[in-house]
Structure formats: C-alpha cells, structure tokens
Amino acid sequence: MSELVSDDDLARARIDTAFRQQLMAASLDRLLSVLNHMRREGDDNPERARQIREGVALAVKLADRLQLEDNSGPRAA
C-alpha cells in the first residue's frame, strides 16, 4: 500500500481547502479499495466483519465531509 498521509500533507490540508478535499477523496478511494479487497476474501471471520463495518462507517463519514465541503464552496448567483 502506498504511504499514508504525511504530517506535511495534514498541515497543507488545514490551510488549502482544495487540497483537503483532494486528500479526503484519495483517502476514501483507498479505504473503499481495502474494504472491497477484504470483502472478496470472503471468510466468515467475526473480527474481519467488525473491521469491514468500522471501515464502512468511516467511509460514510468521509463521504459526508466531502459532500459538505463541496457544497460550501462559492455559488453562482
């Protein structure tokens, strides 16, 4: 897996709204990819099922934040 978010990325995301949205979108894509991989493995491990549920909850939160940020931008008159 590629490197996770660096401290420099986090610092930039705090001040650059477009970069923050890009970072969240990339994180959501990475999370969905991992969840899909876990789902395809298909064993009935209760711990894996818990991790998938937790990942789905996180994906929903990220998607909500992306939606909020997308809607908070400038609007045409």
C-alpha atoms as a PDB file:
ATOM      1  CA  MET A   1       0.000   0.000   0.000  1.00  0.00           C
ATOM      2  CA  SER A   2       1.227   3.491  -0.717  1.00  0.00           C
ATOM      3  CA  GLU A   3       2.348   5.828   2.041  1.00  0.00           C
ATOM      4  CA  LEU A   4      -0.387   7.188   4.244  1.00  0.00           C
ATOM      5  CA  VAL A   5      -0.901  10.903   4.746  1.00  0.00           C
ATOM      6  CA  SER A   6       2.217  12.743   5.897  1.00  0.00           C
ATOM      7  CA  ASP A   7       2.420  15.478   8.514  1.00  0.00           C
ATOM      8  CA  ASP A   8       3.174  17.945   5.708  1.00  0.00           C
ATOM      9  CA  ASP A   9       0.004  16.867   3.890  1.00  0.00           C
ATOM     10  CA  LEU A  10      -2.044  17.399   7.031  1.00  0.00           C
ATOM     11  CA  ALA A  11      -0.552  20.847   7.574  1.00  0.00           C
ATOM     12  CA  ARG A  12      -1.300  21.815   3.975  1.00  0.00           C
ATOM     13  CA  ALA A  13      -4.845  20.429   4.198  1.00  0.00           C
ATOM     14  CA  ARG A  14      -5.543  22.709   7.157  1.00  0.00           C
ATOM     15  CA  ILE A  15      -4.955  25.801   5.026  1.00  0.00           C
ATOM     16  CA  ASP A  16      -5.759  24.666   1.465  1.00  0.00           C
ATOM     17  CA  THR A  17      -9.414  23.711   1.005  1.00  0.00           C
ATOM     18  CA  ALA A  18      -8.943  22.246  -2.475  1.00  0.00           C
ATOM     19  CA  PHE A  19      -6.034  20.106  -1.309  1.00  0.00           C
ATOM     20  CA  ARG A  20      -8.027  18.974   1.742  1.00  0.00           C
ATOM     21  CA  GLN A  21     -10.874  17.827  -0.497  1.00  0.00           C
ATOM     22  CA  GLN A  22      -8.437  16.043  -2.814  1.00  0.00           C
ATOM     23  CA  LEU A  23      -6.800  14.342   0.176  1.00  0.00           C
ATOM     24  CA  MET A  24     -10.143  13.203   1.582  1.00  0.00           C
ATOM     25  CA  ALA A  25     -11.229  11.875  -1.823  1.00  0.00           C
ATOM     26  CA  ALA A  26      -7.971   9.932  -2.197  1.00  0.00           C
ATOM     27  CA  SER A  27      -8.360   8.561   1.334  1.00  0.00           C
ATOM     28  CA  LEU A  28     -11.933   7.490   0.583  1.00  0.00           C
ATOM     29  CA  ASP A  29     -10.805   5.737  -2.607  1.00  0.00           C
ATOM     30  CA  ARG A  30      -8.026   3.934  -0.718  1.00  0.00           C
ATOM     31  CA  LEU A  31     -10.422   2.901   2.074  1.00  0.00           C
ATOM     32  CA  LEU A  32     -13.032   1.594  -0.376  1.00  0.00           C
ATOM     33  CA  SER A  33     -10.348  -0.368  -2.209  1.00  0.00           C
ATOM     34  CA  VAL A  34      -9.198  -2.041   1.019  1.00  0.00           C
ATOM     35  CA  LEU A  35     -12.783  -2.773   2.074  1.00  0.00           C
ATOM     36  CA  ASN A  36     -13.529  -4.312  -1.308  1.00  0.00           C
ATOM     37  CA  HIS A  37     -10.416  -6.478  -1.045  1.00  0.00           C
ATOM     38  CA  MET A  38     -11.428  -7.626   2.461  1.00  0.00           C
ATOM     39  CA  ARG A  39     -14.949  -8.397   1.258  1.00  0.00           C
ATOM     40  CA  ARG A  40     -13.650 -10.501  -1.647  1.00  0.00           C
ATOM     41  CA  GLU A  41     -11.541 -12.630   0.691  1.00  0.00           C
ATOM     42  CA  GLY A  42     -14.905 -13.850   1.932  1.00  0.00           C
ATOM     43  CA  ASP A  43     -14.078 -15.775   5.087  1.00  0.00           C
ATOM     44  CA  ASP A  44     -16.514 -15.698   7.997  1.00  0.00           C
ATOM     45  CA  ASN A  45     -14.081 -14.224  10.491  1.00  0.00           C
ATOM     46  CA  PRO A  46     -16.039 -12.122  13.036  1.00  0.00           C
ATOM     47  CA  GLU A  47     -13.086  -9.757  13.503  1.00  0.00           C
ATOM     48  CA  ARG A  48     -12.911  -9.121   9.757  1.00  0.00           C
ATOM     49  CA  ALA A  49     -16.661  -8.441   9.688  1.00  0.00           C
ATOM     50  CA  ARG A  50     -16.232  -5.925  12.521  1.00  0.00           C
ATOM     51  CA  GLN A  51     -13.367  -4.227  10.677  1.00  0.00           C
ATOM     52  CA  ILE A  52     -15.434  -4.000   7.499  1.00  0.00           C
ATOM     53  CA  ARG A  53     -18.359  -2.450   9.401  1.00  0.00           C
ATOM     54  CA  GLU A  54     -15.973   0.040  11.020  1.00  0.00           C
ATOM     55  CA  GLY A  55     -14.466   0.848   7.624  1.00  0.00           C
ATOM     56  CA  VAL A  56     -17.887   1.377   6.077  1.00  0.00           C
ATOM     57  CA  ALA A  57     -18.827   3.766   8.897  1.00  0.00           C
ATOM     58  CA  LEU A  58     -15.610   5.706   8.280  1.00  0.00           C
ATOM     59  CA  ALA A  59     -16.274   5.778   4.522  1.00  0.00           C
ATOM     60  CA  VAL A  60     -19.719   7.270   5.155  1.00  0.00           C
ATOM     61  CA  LYS A  61     -18.183   9.964   7.375  1.00  0.00           C
ATOM     62  CA  LEU A  62     -15.576  10.802   4.730  1.00  0.00           C
ATOM     63  CA  ALA A  63     -18.231  10.940   2.011  1.00  0.00           C
ATOM     64  CA  ASP A  64     -20.359  13.250   4.174  1.00  0.00           C
ATOM     65  CA  ARG A  65     -17.400  15.563   4.785  1.00  0.00           C
ATOM     66  CA  LEU A  66     -16.615  15.632   1.071  1.00  0.00           C
ATOM     67  CA  GLN A  67     -20.242  16.488   0.324  1.00  0.00           C
ATOM     68  CA  LEU A  68     -20.251  19.271   2.926  1.00  0.00           C
ATOM     69  CA  GLU A  69     -17.027  20.749   1.588  1.00  0.00           C
ATOM     70  CA  ASP A  70     -18.272  20.513  -1.975  1.00  0.00           C
ATOM     71  CA  ASN A  71     -21.488  22.351  -1.051  1.00  0.00           C
ATOM     72  CA  SER A  72     -19.717  25.031   0.993  1.00  0.00           C
ATOM     73  CA  GLY A  73     -17.799  26.417  -1.955  1.00  0.00           C
ATOM     74  CA  PRO A  74     -18.683  29.558  -3.866  1.00  0.00           C
ATOM     75  CA  ARG A  75     -22.069  29.530  -5.554  1.00  0.00           C
ATOM     76  CA  ALA A  76     -23.143  31.243  -8.745  1.00  0.00           C
ATOM     77  CA  ALA A  77     -25.722  33.999  -8.374  1.00  0.00           C
END
